[in-house]
Amino acid sequence: MPTKFLESLGGKLAENWAANLLTPAFVFWIGGLLAWVWRFGRKPLEDWLKQQPESLLIAVMVSGLLIIAVSAFVVQRFDLFVLKFLEGYWPGWLYPLRRWMIRQQERNFKRKDERWQTLAKKKDTPVITNEELEEYVTLDGQLMQFPSQPNRLMPTKLGNILRAAESRPFDKYGLDAVICWSRLWLVLPDGVKKELQEARSNLNTAARFWLWSLLFIVWIVWAWWAIPAGLLGAIFAYFWAVDAASVYCSLLESAFDLYRLELYKSLRWPIPLNPKQEQELGQQLTTYLLRGSDRDRPIFTPLKQK
């Protein structure tokens, strides 16, 4: 009877729950079940299933699905917290480690930058080799993943990628990304918003997978392999987050590149005529959005010219 019931129920679950089951939460709880079986064997579980009425098996199945769904919802609330932790925003007692890791990042940046400067001098000359040209291109991409100011370095690669994305709109246009982003978001086309949301969702999912991987270690109470499995999952999730952050930050920067003037127009702010003026007006606009102003300059663009 239990076997027949499980077979009939399996088809329905595959149809209605497949998308929900293939989640880190599902893997976590199935991993816990496997760890329990590893510790106590299959026979106690099989014997218990054979002894239970179909109604109880249904209740157990539904309860299991509810546990998976609720735990997934709860852990998802920690996405931002986990992402901030992976960036390097740590509590005070970890500051010594944070300072040490930032120094390592600074040394890494200086080493790459010095090598890049050397290759840059040879880039347009016939003496540069193919290997050196490839190294130059690689270093150029790697340096773009660091913030422009050394005092803004973060202790982790993920933190530096996201910090660089925050810094670049200010470096290029005088716009503080943290202050301006929520306003710029409202004037972006729906297609651009969708691309950004999908990229950010991928980043959040990687952070969530990292947390589930650490939580997986709790099954060490039943199986020794929970520790290496959890650690390998966390390492995989971190590199996944780094790749996802690179895509998200590229789209974020592109949104400023292509649509920043829509922000100017919506706020009736004068449109800059050249890069130097844009730096000045961008900084003024950032300050205006942050604190407001009672000055008589700049003059707002008339509504009919929006």
Protein backbone atom coordinates (compact mmCIF):
# COMPACT_ATOMS: atom_id res chain seq x y z
CA MET A 1 0.00 0.00 0.00
CA PRO A 2 2.69 2.60 0.86
CA THR A 3 4.53 1.82 -2.38
CA LYS A 4 1.36 2.21 -4.46
CA PHE A 5 0.51 5.45 -2.68
CA LEU A 6 3.98 6.92 -3.20
CA GLU A 7 3.95 6.01 -6.88
CA SER A 8 0.58 7.70 -7.48
CA LEU A 9 1.54 10.75 -5.46
CA GLY A 10 4.88 11.05 -7.25
CA GLY A 11 3.27 11.98 -10.57
CA LYS A 12 1.22 14.76 -8.99
CA LEU A 13 4.19 16.17 -7.13
CA ALA A 14 6.31 16.14 -10.27
CA GLU A 15 3.65 18.18 -12.04
CA ASN A 16 2.87 20.73 -9.34
CA TRP A 17 5.94 20.93 -7.13
CA ALA A 18 8.96 20.31 -9.36
CA ALA A 19 9.88 23.96 -9.58
CA ASN A 20 9.52 24.43 -5.83
CA LEU A 21 11.36 21.27 -4.85
CA LEU A 22 14.49 21.92 -6.89
CA THR A 23 15.72 24.49 -4.41
CA PRO A 24 18.55 24.71 -1.86
CA ALA A 25 15.94 24.17 0.88
CA PHE A 26 14.88 20.88 -0.69
CA VAL A 27 18.50 19.75 -1.07
CA PHE A 28 19.17 20.68 2.57
CA TRP A 29 16.31 18.57 3.96
CA ILE A 30 16.92 15.64 1.62
CA GLY A 31 20.57 15.81 2.67
CA GLY A 32 19.44 15.60 6.29
CA LEU A 33 17.33 12.54 5.48
CA LEU A 34 20.28 10.89 3.72
CA ALA A 35 22.51 11.69 6.71
CA TRP A 36 19.96 10.06 9.03
CA VAL A 37 19.83 6.97 6.81
CA TRP A 38 23.64 6.93 6.76
CA ARG A 39 23.65 6.87 10.58
CA PHE A 40 20.76 4.48 11.29
CA GLY A 41 20.31 2.57 8.02
CA ARG A 42 17.32 2.23 5.67
CA LYS A 43 15.56 -0.58 7.49
CA PRO A 44 14.08 1.49 10.37
CA LEU A 45 12.63 3.98 7.88
CA GLU A 46 11.27 1.27 5.57
CA ASP A 47 9.71 -0.60 8.49
CA TRP A 48 8.06 2.55 9.78
CA LEU A 49 6.63 3.41 6.33
CA LYS A 50 5.16 -0.06 5.93
CA GLN A 51 3.42 0.18 9.30
CA GLN A 52 1.71 3.53 8.71
CA PRO A 53 -1.74 4.09 7.18
CA GLU A 54 -2.00 5.99 3.92
CA SER A 55 -3.62 8.98 5.62
CA LEU A 56 -0.63 9.42 7.91
CA LEU A 57 1.79 9.16 4.97
CA ILE A 58 -0.15 11.91 3.22
CA ALA A 59 0.08 14.06 6.34
CA VAL A 60 3.80 13.41 6.62
CA MET A 61 4.31 14.28 2.95
CA VAL A 62 2.34 17.51 3.22
CA SER A 63 4.14 18.43 6.44
CA GLY A 64 7.49 17.85 4.75
CA LEU A 65 6.55 20.12 1.85
CA LEU A 66 5.38 22.79 4.28
CA ILE A 67 8.65 22.57 6.20
CA ILE A 68 10.60 23.00 2.97
CA ALA A 69 8.47 25.96 1.88
CA VAL A 70 8.55 27.73 5.26
CA SER A 71 12.27 27.22 5.77
CA ALA A 72 12.95 28.50 2.25
CA PHE A 73 10.88 31.61 2.98
CA VAL A 74 12.66 32.25 6.28
CA VAL A 75 16.17 31.83 4.86
CA GLN A 76 15.31 34.07 1.92
CA ARG A 77 14.77 36.93 4.39
CA PHE A 78 18.52 36.78 5.10
CA ASP A 79 19.63 37.31 1.48
CA LEU A 80 20.77 40.90 2.02
CA PHE A 81 22.44 40.11 5.35
CA VAL A 82 24.40 37.21 3.81
CA LEU A 83 25.36 39.28 0.77
CA LYS A 84 26.65 42.08 3.00
CA PHE A 85 28.64 39.56 5.01
CA LEU A 86 30.20 38.09 1.86
CA GLU A 87 31.09 41.61 0.74
CA GLY A 88 33.02 42.19 3.95
CA TYR A 89 30.68 44.19 6.18
CA TRP A 90 31.59 42.37 9.37
CA PRO A 91 30.98 42.95 13.09
CA GLY A 92 33.56 44.79 15.15
CA TRP A 93 35.20 41.69 16.60
CA LEU A 94 36.22 40.68 13.07
CA TYR A 95 37.82 44.06 12.26
CA PRO A 96 41.41 42.82 12.76
CA LEU A 97 40.80 40.14 10.13
CA ARG A 98 39.02 42.70 7.93
CA ARG A 99 41.97 45.13 8.08
CA TRP A 100 44.43 42.34 7.28
CA MET A 101 42.39 41.19 4.29
CA ILE A 102 42.05 44.76 3.00
CA ARG A 103 45.83 45.11 3.14
CA GLN A 104 46.12 41.92 1.10
CA GLN A 105 43.66 43.30 -1.44
CA GLU A 106 45.66 46.54 -1.59
CA ARG A 107 48.89 44.65 -2.26
CA ASN A 108 47.13 42.60 -4.92
CA PHE A 109 45.78 45.76 -6.57
CA LYS A 110 49.17 47.50 -6.55
CA ARG A 111 50.92 44.45 -8.01
CA LYS A 112 48.39 44.18 -10.82
CA ASP A 113 48.40 47.92 -11.45
CA GLU A 114 52.19 48.11 -11.68
CA ARG A 115 52.27 45.24 -14.13
CA TRP A 116 49.44 46.83 -16.12
CA GLN A 117 51.29 50.15 -16.28
CA THR A 118 54.38 48.36 -17.60
CA LEU A 119 52.41 46.57 -20.29
CA ALA A 120 50.46 49.72 -21.17
CA LYS A 121 53.70 51.41 -22.22
CA LYS A 122 54.42 48.54 -24.61
CA LYS A 123 50.85 48.00 -25.83
CA ASP A 124 51.08 50.11 -28.98
CA THR A 125 54.62 49.11 -29.87
CA PRO A 126 55.72 46.19 -32.04
CA VAL A 127 57.86 44.73 -29.22
CA ILE A 128 54.88 43.49 -27.21
CA THR A 129 54.25 39.75 -27.51
CA ASN A 130 50.89 38.02 -27.89
CA GLU A 131 51.20 36.65 -24.37
CA GLU A 132 51.86 40.12 -22.96
CA LEU A 133 48.92 41.57 -24.89
CA GLU A 134 46.63 38.87 -23.49
CA GLU A 135 47.99 39.57 -20.00
CA TYR A 136 47.32 43.28 -20.49
CA VAL A 137 43.69 42.65 -21.44
CA THR A 138 43.23 40.26 -18.49
CA LEU A 139 44.75 42.73 -16.03
CA ASP A 140 42.63 45.54 -17.44
CA GLY A 141 39.47 43.54 -16.68
CA GLN A 142 40.70 42.56 -13.23
CA LEU A 143 41.56 46.15 -12.28
CA MET A 144 38.04 47.22 -13.25
CA GLN A 145 36.84 45.03 -10.40
CA PHE A 146 38.56 47.25 -7.83
CA PRO A 147 37.21 50.63 -6.62
CA SER A 148 39.16 53.59 -7.94
CA GLN A 149 40.12 54.90 -4.48
CA PRO A 150 42.32 52.68 -2.28
CA ASN A 151 40.44 53.80 0.85
CA ARG A 152 37.27 52.17 -0.57
CA LEU A 153 38.78 48.70 -0.85
CA MET A 154 36.83 45.83 0.66
CA PRO A 155 38.28 42.63 2.19
CA THR A 156 36.71 40.27 -0.38
CA LYS A 157 36.63 40.06 -4.15
CA LEU A 158 32.84 40.17 -4.13
CA GLY A 159 32.91 43.31 -2.00
CA ASN A 160 35.35 45.03 -4.33
CA ILE A 161 33.28 44.21 -7.42
CA LEU A 162 30.16 45.73 -5.87
CA ARG A 163 32.08 48.68 -4.41
CA ALA A 164 33.64 49.36 -7.83
CA ALA A 165 30.16 49.42 -9.37
CA GLU A 166 29.09 51.95 -6.74
CA SER A 167 32.16 54.12 -7.39
CA ARG A 168 32.20 54.20 -11.17
CA PRO A 169 29.14 56.45 -11.80
CA PHE A 170 30.69 59.05 -9.50
CA ASP A 171 34.10 58.74 -11.16
CA LYS A 172 32.59 59.22 -14.62
CA TYR A 173 29.57 61.44 -14.07
CA GLY A 174 29.72 62.85 -10.55
CA LEU A 175 26.64 60.79 -9.57
CA ASP A 176 26.69 58.86 -6.33
CA ALA A 177 25.21 55.46 -7.21
CA VAL A 178 23.90 54.78 -3.71
CA ILE A 179 21.94 58.04 -3.61
CA CYS A 180 20.86 58.21 -7.25
CA TRP A 181 20.03 54.58 -7.98
CA SER A 182 16.52 54.45 -6.50
CA ARG A 183 15.58 57.57 -8.50
CA LEU A 184 17.18 56.33 -11.70
CA TRP A 185 15.37 52.99 -11.32
CA LEU A 186 12.00 54.71 -11.62
CA VAL A 187 12.80 56.15 -15.05
CA LEU A 188 14.33 53.02 -16.56
CA PRO A 189 12.45 51.17 -19.33
CA ASP A 190 10.68 47.98 -18.29
CA GLY A 191 13.01 45.79 -20.36
CA VAL A 192 16.07 47.20 -18.59
CA LYS A 193 14.44 46.72 -15.20
CA LYS A 194 13.71 43.09 -16.06
CA GLU A 195 17.35 42.41 -17.00
CA LEU A 196 18.57 44.03 -13.78
CA GLN A 197 16.03 42.15 -11.66
CA GLU A 198 17.05 38.81 -13.16
CA ALA A 199 20.75 39.57 -12.59
CA ARG A 200 20.10 40.64 -9.00
CA SER A 201 17.93 37.58 -8.40
CA ASN A 202 20.79 35.37 -9.55
CA LEU A 203 23.12 37.14 -7.11
CA ASN A 204 20.63 36.73 -4.26
CA THR A 205 20.18 33.05 -5.08
CA ALA A 206 23.94 32.50 -4.88
CA ALA A 207 24.02 34.18 -1.45
CA ARG A 208 21.09 32.01 -0.33
CA PHE A 209 22.83 28.86 -1.57
CA TRP A 210 25.92 29.88 0.44
CA LEU A 211 23.86 30.11 3.64
CA TRP A 212 22.12 26.79 3.01
CA SER A 213 25.53 25.20 2.43
CA LEU A 214 26.75 26.40 5.82
CA LEU A 215 23.55 25.21 7.47
CA PHE A 216 24.07 21.81 5.86
CA ILE A 217 27.01 21.25 8.21
CA VAL A 218 24.50 20.71 11.04
CA TRP A 219 23.95 17.17 9.71
CA ILE A 220 27.40 16.29 11.06
CA VAL A 221 25.45 14.88 14.02
CA TRP A 222 24.57 11.95 11.75
CA ALA A 223 27.15 11.91 8.93
CA TRP A 224 30.79 13.01 8.79
CA TRP A 225 30.51 13.99 5.12
CA ALA A 226 28.16 16.89 5.96
CA ILE A 227 31.18 19.12 6.68
CA PRO A 228 33.03 18.68 3.35
CA ALA A 229 29.72 18.76 1.45
CA GLY A 230 28.70 21.99 3.16
CA LEU A 231 32.09 23.64 2.69
CA LEU A 232 32.28 22.66 -0.97
CA GLY A 233 28.79 24.05 -1.48
CA ALA A 234 29.76 27.32 0.21
CA ILE A 235 32.89 27.67 -1.95
CA PHE A 236 30.87 26.98 -5.09
CA ALA A 237 28.21 29.49 -4.01
CA TYR A 238 30.81 32.20 -3.37
CA PHE A 239 32.33 31.91 -6.84
CA TRP A 240 28.81 31.80 -8.25
CA ALA A 241 28.10 35.07 -6.39
CA VAL A 242 31.28 36.64 -7.79
CA ASP A 243 30.26 35.80 -11.37
CA ALA A 244 26.68 36.95 -10.76
CA ALA A 245 27.91 40.21 -9.23
CA SER A 246 30.08 40.89 -12.28
CA VAL A 247 27.05 40.60 -14.56
CA TYR A 248 24.81 42.65 -12.28
CA CYS A 249 27.39 45.40 -11.87
CA SER A 250 28.00 45.58 -15.60
CA LEU A 251 24.27 46.11 -16.15
CA LEU A 252 24.15 48.65 -13.32
CA GLU A 253 26.96 50.69 -14.84
CA SER A 254 25.33 50.44 -18.27
CA ALA A 255 22.07 51.80 -16.83
CA PHE A 256 23.92 54.93 -15.68
CA ASP A 257 25.76 55.18 -18.99
CA LEU A 258 22.61 55.06 -21.10
CA TYR A 259 19.83 56.54 -18.96
CA ARG A 260 21.40 59.04 -16.56
CA LEU A 261 20.12 61.95 -18.68
CA GLU A 262 16.58 60.68 -18.12
CA LEU A 263 17.20 61.36 -14.44
CA TYR A 264 18.29 64.90 -15.27
CA LYS A 265 15.18 65.45 -17.39
CA SER A 266 12.80 64.04 -14.80
CA LEU A 267 14.25 66.32 -12.13
CA ARG A 268 14.31 69.29 -14.53
CA TRP A 269 18.05 69.54 -13.94
CA PRO A 270 20.13 71.29 -16.63
CA ILE A 271 21.61 68.84 -19.14
CA PRO A 272 25.46 68.94 -19.08
CA LEU A 273 27.11 70.04 -22.31
CA ASN A 274 30.50 68.37 -21.82
CA PRO A 275 32.20 65.84 -19.51
CA LYS A 276 33.72 68.49 -17.23
CA GLN A 277 30.37 70.19 -16.75
CA GLU A 278 28.74 66.81 -16.18
CA GLN A 279 31.06 66.11 -13.27
CA GLU A 280 30.08 69.40 -11.65
CA LEU A 281 26.35 69.09 -12.32
CA GLY A 282 26.36 65.42 -11.31
CA GLN A 283 27.85 66.23 -7.91
CA GLN A 284 25.38 69.08 -7.46
CA LEU A 285 22.50 66.78 -8.38
CA THR A 286 23.69 64.15 -5.91
CA THR A 287 23.82 66.74 -3.12
CA TYR A 288 20.40 68.06 -4.11
CA LEU A 289 18.86 64.59 -3.94
CA LEU A 290 20.51 63.91 -0.59
CA ARG A 291 19.88 67.18 1.23
CA GLY A 292 17.84 69.48 -0.99
CA SER A 293 18.86 73.10 -1.63
CA ASP A 294 17.69 76.68 -1.13
CA ARG A 295 20.09 78.20 -3.69
CA ASP A 296 19.05 80.02 -6.85
CA ARG A 297 21.34 77.92 -9.06
CA PRO A 298 21.07 75.92 -11.20
CA ILE A 299 17.94 77.06 -13.01
CA PHE A 300 15.42 74.27 -13.53
CA THR A 301 14.60 73.30 -17.11
CA PRO A 302 11.10 74.57 -18.06
CA LEU A 303 8.47 71.86 -18.03
CA LYS A 304 7.74 72.22 -21.73
CA GLN A 305 11.35 71.22 -22.45
CA LYS A 306 11.22 67.99 -20.49
